[in-house]
Amino acid sequence: MNIKAFLSPSDVPIGVEARDKFSLLKNLSGRAAGALGLAADAVTNQIERRDELGSTGIGGGISIPHPRLREVRKPFGLLARPKEPIDFEVIDGQPVDIVFLLLLPASFAA
């Protein structure tokens, strides 16, 4: 699958205001929910549930939250840069300054 199929320039917010990981994820949840016509709380809840399984930070300042949602029919992404790097409890201990939120259908197979 080509990334252009689910990530447009309008889906790349830069300088996102957030004081911590959860406020950033809530902000991105609202953006994603608005774009997909979903309830923001439902998206936030699924992102938080996924994060409870373990940090989605992969190191090097990057995190890829990637919940699966029944309501999502095709992959949707937001590539965000917070205004300031944020602690995401990443294994390398580095703060995150690039977040790729990837919402996937519950039954998505790559």
N, C-alpha and C. Protein backbone atom coordinates (compact mmCIF):
# COMPACT_ATOMS: atom_id res chain seq x y z
N MET A 1 0.84 -1.17 0.00
CA MET A 1 0.00 0.00 0.00
C MET A 1 0.89 1.24 0.00
N ASN A 2 0.56 2.18 -0.84
CA ASN A 2 1.29 3.44 -0.95
C ASN A 2 0.82 4.40 0.13
N ILE A 3 1.77 5.06 0.80
CA ILE A 3 1.42 5.98 1.89
C ILE A 3 0.52 7.12 1.40
N LYS A 4 0.62 7.51 0.13
CA LYS A 4 -0.24 8.57 -0.41
C LYS A 4 -1.71 8.18 -0.38
N ALA A 5 -1.98 6.89 -0.30
CA ALA A 5 -3.37 6.43 -0.29
C ALA A 5 -4.10 6.81 1.00
N PHE A 6 -3.34 7.10 2.07
CA PHE A 6 -4.01 7.43 3.32
C PHE A 6 -3.38 8.59 4.09
N LEU A 7 -2.45 9.32 3.48
CA LEU A 7 -1.83 10.46 4.15
C LEU A 7 -1.70 11.60 3.16
N SER A 8 -2.46 12.67 3.39
CA SER A 8 -2.40 13.83 2.52
C SER A 8 -1.67 14.96 3.25
N PRO A 9 -1.24 16.00 2.54
CA PRO A 9 -0.55 17.12 3.19
C PRO A 9 -1.35 17.75 4.34
N SER A 10 -2.67 17.73 4.26
CA SER A 10 -3.48 18.30 5.34
C SER A 10 -3.44 17.42 6.60
N ASP A 11 -2.92 16.21 6.47
CA ASP A 11 -2.82 15.29 7.60
C ASP A 11 -1.43 15.32 8.24
N VAL A 12 -0.72 16.45 8.06
CA VAL A 12 0.62 16.58 8.62
C VAL A 12 0.71 17.88 9.44
N PRO A 13 0.12 17.87 10.65
CA PRO A 13 0.19 19.08 11.48
C PRO A 13 1.59 19.26 12.09
N ILE A 14 2.08 20.49 12.03
CA ILE A 14 3.40 20.84 12.55
C ILE A 14 3.22 21.83 13.71
N GLY A 15 4.01 21.68 14.76
CA GLY A 15 3.95 22.60 15.89
C GLY A 15 2.73 22.40 16.76
N VAL A 16 2.31 21.14 16.93
CA VAL A 16 1.12 20.83 17.72
C VAL A 16 1.40 21.12 19.20
N GLU A 17 0.53 21.91 19.81
CA GLU A 17 0.64 22.23 21.23
C GLU A 17 0.21 21.04 22.07
N ALA A 18 1.08 20.61 22.98
CA ALA A 18 0.75 19.51 23.89
C ALA A 18 1.72 19.55 25.06
N ARG A 19 1.21 19.32 26.27
CA ARG A 19 2.07 19.34 27.46
C ARG A 19 2.64 17.97 27.80
N ASP A 20 1.98 16.91 27.28
CA ASP A 20 2.44 15.55 27.57
C ASP A 20 1.91 14.60 26.50
N LYS A 21 2.29 13.34 26.64
CA LYS A 21 1.91 12.32 25.65
C LYS A 21 0.40 12.24 25.47
N PHE A 22 -0.33 12.19 26.58
CA PHE A 22 -1.76 11.98 26.47
C PHE A 22 -2.50 13.20 25.90
N SER A 23 -2.01 14.41 26.19
CA SER A 23 -2.66 15.58 25.58
C SER A 23 -2.37 15.62 24.08
N LEU A 24 -1.19 15.19 23.67
CA LEU A 24 -0.89 15.13 22.24
C LEU A 24 -1.76 14.08 21.56
N LEU A 25 -1.86 12.90 22.16
CA LEU A 25 -2.68 11.84 21.57
C LEU A 25 -4.16 12.23 21.53
N LYS A 26 -4.62 12.96 22.53
CA LYS A 26 -6.01 13.42 22.53
C LYS A 26 -6.22 14.43 21.40
N ASN A 27 -5.27 15.33 21.21
CA ASN A 27 -5.34 16.30 20.11
C ASN A 27 -5.40 15.58 18.77
N LEU A 28 -4.52 14.62 18.57
CA LEU A 28 -4.49 13.89 17.30
C LEU A 28 -5.73 13.03 17.12
N SER A 29 -6.25 12.48 18.22
CA SER A 29 -7.50 11.72 18.16
C SER A 29 -8.63 12.58 17.64
N GLY A 30 -8.71 13.81 18.16
CA GLY A 30 -9.76 14.73 17.71
C GLY A 30 -9.63 15.05 16.23
N ARG A 31 -8.42 15.26 15.77
CA ARG A 31 -8.20 15.55 14.34
C ARG A 31 -8.61 14.35 13.48
N ALA A 32 -8.18 13.17 13.90
CA ALA A 32 -8.50 11.95 13.14
C ALA A 32 -10.00 11.69 13.16
N ALA A 33 -10.61 11.82 14.32
CA ALA A 33 -12.05 11.58 14.44
C ALA A 33 -12.83 12.54 13.55
N GLY A 34 -12.43 13.81 13.55
CA GLY A 34 -13.10 14.79 12.69
C GLY A 34 -12.99 14.44 11.22
N ALA A 35 -11.82 13.99 10.81
CA ALA A 35 -11.60 13.63 9.40
C ALA A 35 -12.40 12.40 9.00
N LEU A 36 -12.62 11.50 9.96
CA LEU A 36 -13.30 10.23 9.65
C LEU A 36 -14.76 10.19 10.08
N GLY A 37 -15.24 11.26 10.72
CA GLY A 37 -16.62 11.28 11.17
C GLY A 37 -16.88 10.35 12.34
N LEU A 38 -15.89 10.20 13.21
CA LEU A 38 -16.00 9.33 14.38
C LEU A 38 -16.06 10.17 15.65
N ALA A 39 -16.44 9.55 16.74
CA ALA A 39 -16.43 10.22 18.04
C ALA A 39 -14.99 10.30 18.54
N ALA A 40 -14.54 11.50 18.90
CA ALA A 40 -13.17 11.69 19.35
C ALA A 40 -12.86 10.85 20.58
N ASP A 41 -13.81 10.74 21.50
CA ASP A 41 -13.57 9.94 22.71
C ASP A 41 -13.34 8.47 22.38
N ALA A 42 -14.03 7.96 21.39
CA ALA A 42 -13.86 6.56 21.01
C ALA A 42 -12.46 6.33 20.43
N VAL A 43 -11.98 7.27 19.63
CA VAL A 43 -10.64 7.14 19.05
C VAL A 43 -9.59 7.26 20.15
N THR A 44 -9.76 8.24 21.03
CA THR A 44 -8.82 8.42 22.15
C THR A 44 -8.77 7.16 23.01
N ASN A 45 -9.92 6.59 23.30
CA ASN A 45 -10.00 5.38 24.11
C ASN A 45 -9.21 4.24 23.48
N GLN A 46 -9.35 4.04 22.19
CA GLN A 46 -8.63 2.95 21.52
C GLN A 46 -7.12 3.20 21.48
N ILE A 47 -6.73 4.46 21.32
CA ILE A 47 -5.30 4.79 21.33
C ILE A 47 -4.73 4.51 22.72
N GLU A 48 -5.45 4.91 23.76
CA GLU A 48 -4.98 4.67 25.12
C GLU A 48 -4.93 3.17 25.44
N ARG A 49 -5.92 2.42 24.97
CA ARG A 49 -5.92 0.97 25.19
C ARG A 49 -4.70 0.33 24.53
N ARG A 50 -4.39 0.77 23.32
CA ARG A 50 -3.21 0.23 22.62
C ARG A 50 -1.95 0.59 23.38
N ASP A 51 -1.87 1.81 23.89
CA ASP A 51 -0.68 2.27 24.59
C ASP A 51 -0.48 1.50 25.90
N GLU A 52 -1.55 1.01 26.50
CA GLU A 52 -1.44 0.22 27.73
C GLU A 52 -0.70 -1.09 27.49
N LEU A 53 -0.70 -1.56 26.26
CA LEU A 53 0.02 -2.80 25.92
C LEU A 53 1.52 -2.59 25.91
N GLY A 54 1.94 -1.34 25.76
CA GLY A 54 3.35 -0.99 25.71
C GLY A 54 3.53 0.26 24.89
N SER A 55 4.60 0.97 25.17
CA SER A 55 4.85 2.21 24.45
C SER A 55 4.94 1.97 22.95
N THR A 56 4.38 2.90 22.20
CA THR A 56 4.46 2.83 20.74
C THR A 56 5.67 3.62 20.24
N GLY A 57 6.47 4.13 21.18
CA GLY A 57 7.70 4.80 20.80
C GLY A 57 8.71 3.78 20.31
N ILE A 58 9.31 4.04 19.15
CA ILE A 58 10.25 3.08 18.58
C ILE A 58 11.69 3.53 18.73
N GLY A 59 11.89 4.69 19.34
CA GLY A 59 13.24 5.22 19.52
C GLY A 59 13.57 6.27 18.49
N GLY A 60 14.65 6.97 18.73
CA GLY A 60 15.10 7.99 17.79
C GLY A 60 14.13 9.16 17.66
N GLY A 61 13.30 9.37 18.69
CA GLY A 61 12.36 10.49 18.67
C GLY A 61 11.07 10.22 17.91
N ILE A 62 10.76 8.95 17.64
CA ILE A 62 9.59 8.59 16.83
C ILE A 62 8.64 7.68 17.60
N SER A 63 7.35 7.95 17.46
CA SER A 63 6.32 7.08 18.03
C SER A 63 5.28 6.80 16.95
N ILE A 64 4.76 5.57 16.96
CA ILE A 64 3.75 5.17 15.97
C ILE A 64 2.56 4.53 16.69
N PRO A 65 1.68 5.35 17.28
CA PRO A 65 0.46 4.79 17.86
C PRO A 65 -0.38 4.19 16.73
N HIS A 66 -0.89 2.97 16.93
CA HIS A 66 -1.56 2.29 15.82
C HIS A 66 -2.71 1.39 16.31
N PRO A 67 -3.77 2.01 16.80
CA PRO A 67 -4.91 1.20 17.24
C PRO A 67 -5.71 0.67 16.06
N ARG A 68 -6.45 -0.37 16.32
CA ARG A 68 -7.41 -0.92 15.34
C ARG A 68 -8.80 -0.57 15.82
N LEU A 69 -9.64 -0.10 14.89
CA LEU A 69 -10.99 0.31 15.24
C LEU A 69 -11.99 -0.33 14.28
N ARG A 70 -13.07 -0.86 14.83
CA ARG A 70 -14.13 -1.46 14.00
C ARG A 70 -14.71 -0.45 13.02
N GLU A 71 -14.79 0.81 13.42
CA GLU A 71 -15.44 1.84 12.60
C GLU A 71 -14.58 2.32 11.43
N VAL A 72 -13.31 2.01 11.44
CA VAL A 72 -12.40 2.44 10.38
C VAL A 72 -12.43 1.42 9.24
N ARG A 73 -12.67 1.90 8.02
CA ARG A 73 -12.78 1.00 6.86
C ARG A 73 -11.49 0.86 6.07
N LYS A 74 -10.61 1.88 6.15
CA LYS A 74 -9.33 1.82 5.46
C LYS A 74 -8.31 2.58 6.31
N PRO A 75 -7.02 2.28 6.16
CA PRO A 75 -6.01 2.95 6.98
C PRO A 75 -6.10 4.48 6.85
N PHE A 76 -5.86 5.13 7.99
CA PHE A 76 -5.84 6.59 8.04
C PHE A 76 -4.65 7.01 8.88
N GLY A 77 -3.90 7.99 8.41
CA GLY A 77 -2.73 8.43 9.16
C GLY A 77 -2.65 9.92 9.36
N LEU A 78 -2.00 10.30 10.45
CA LEU A 78 -1.61 11.68 10.74
C LEU A 78 -0.13 11.65 11.11
N LEU A 79 0.65 12.48 10.47
CA LEU A 79 2.07 12.59 10.80
C LEU A 79 2.25 13.95 11.47
N ALA A 80 2.55 13.95 12.76
CA ALA A 80 2.56 15.19 13.52
C ALA A 80 3.92 15.46 14.15
N ARG A 81 4.19 16.76 14.27
CA ARG A 81 5.37 17.21 15.01
C ARG A 81 4.89 18.10 16.13
N PRO A 82 5.07 17.68 17.38
CA PRO A 82 4.69 18.56 18.49
C PRO A 82 5.61 19.79 18.52
N LYS A 83 5.10 20.85 19.12
CA LYS A 83 5.89 22.09 19.21
C LYS A 83 7.19 21.84 19.97
N GLU A 84 7.11 21.04 21.02
CA GLU A 84 8.27 20.66 21.83
C GLU A 84 8.32 19.13 21.92
N PRO A 85 9.50 18.53 21.96
CA PRO A 85 9.59 17.08 22.16
C PRO A 85 8.89 16.66 23.46
N ILE A 86 8.30 15.47 23.44
CA ILE A 86 7.48 14.98 24.55
C ILE A 86 7.98 13.61 25.00
N ASP A 87 7.95 13.39 26.32
CA ASP A 87 8.31 12.09 26.87
C ASP A 87 7.21 11.08 26.53
N PHE A 88 7.56 10.02 25.82
CA PHE A 88 6.62 8.97 25.45
C PHE A 88 6.97 7.64 26.10
N GLU A 89 7.84 7.67 27.11
CA GLU A 89 8.26 6.46 27.79
C GLU A 89 8.87 5.45 26.81
N VAL A 90 9.70 5.96 25.93
CA VAL A 90 10.34 5.15 24.89
C VAL A 90 11.54 4.42 25.48
N ILE A 91 11.82 3.25 24.96
CA ILE A 91 12.89 2.40 25.49
C ILE A 91 14.25 3.10 25.48
N ASP A 92 14.51 3.98 24.51
CA ASP A 92 15.81 4.65 24.47
C ASP A 92 15.83 5.91 25.34
N GLY A 93 14.69 6.23 25.98
CA GLY A 93 14.63 7.38 26.88
C GLY A 93 14.59 8.73 26.21
N GLN A 94 14.62 8.75 24.89
CA GLN A 94 14.62 10.02 24.16
C GLN A 94 13.20 10.55 24.01
N PRO A 95 13.02 11.87 24.11
CA PRO A 95 11.69 12.43 23.87
C PRO A 95 11.30 12.29 22.41
N VAL A 96 10.01 12.29 22.17
CA VAL A 96 9.47 12.10 20.82
C VAL A 96 9.15 13.45 20.18
N ASP A 97 9.59 13.61 18.93
CA ASP A 97 9.24 14.82 18.20
C ASP A 97 8.62 14.52 16.84
N ILE A 98 8.37 13.26 16.56
CA ILE A 98 7.63 12.85 15.36
C ILE A 98 6.65 11.75 15.79
N VAL A 99 5.37 11.97 15.51
CA VAL A 99 4.35 10.97 15.85
C VAL A 99 3.57 10.65 14.58
N PHE A 100 3.53 9.37 14.25
CA PHE A 100 2.72 8.93 13.13
C PHE A 100 1.56 8.13 13.69
N LEU A 101 0.39 8.77 13.76
CA LEU A 101 -0.82 8.10 14.24
C LEU A 101 -1.41 7.33 13.07
N LEU A 102 -1.54 6.04 13.24
CA LEU A 102 -2.05 5.17 12.19
C LEU A 102 -3.29 4.45 12.72
N LEU A 103 -4.45 4.79 12.18
CA LEU A 103 -5.68 4.11 12.55
C LEU A 103 -5.95 3.03 11.51
N LEU A 104 -6.14 1.82 11.98
CA LEU A 104 -6.33 0.68 11.09
C LEU A 104 -7.69 0.03 11.32
N PRO A 105 -8.26 -0.55 10.27
CA PRO A 105 -9.49 -1.34 10.45
C PRO A 105 -9.20 -2.52 11.37
N ALA A 106 -10.18 -2.94 12.10
CA ALA A 106 -10.01 -4.06 13.03
C ALA A 106 -9.49 -5.31 12.34
N SER A 107 -9.85 -5.51 11.08
CA SER A 107 -9.45 -6.74 10.39
C SER A 107 -8.45 -6.46 9.26
N PHE A 108 -7.67 -5.41 9.40
CA PHE A 108 -6.71 -5.03 8.35
C PHE A 108 -5.57 -6.02 8.24
N ALA A 109 -5.25 -6.40 7.01
CA ALA A 109 -4.10 -7.24 6.73
C ALA A 109 -3.25 -6.53 5.68
N ALA A 110 -1.99 -6.30 5.98
CA ALA A 110 -1.11 -5.55 5.07
C ALA A 110 -0.78 -6.35 3.84
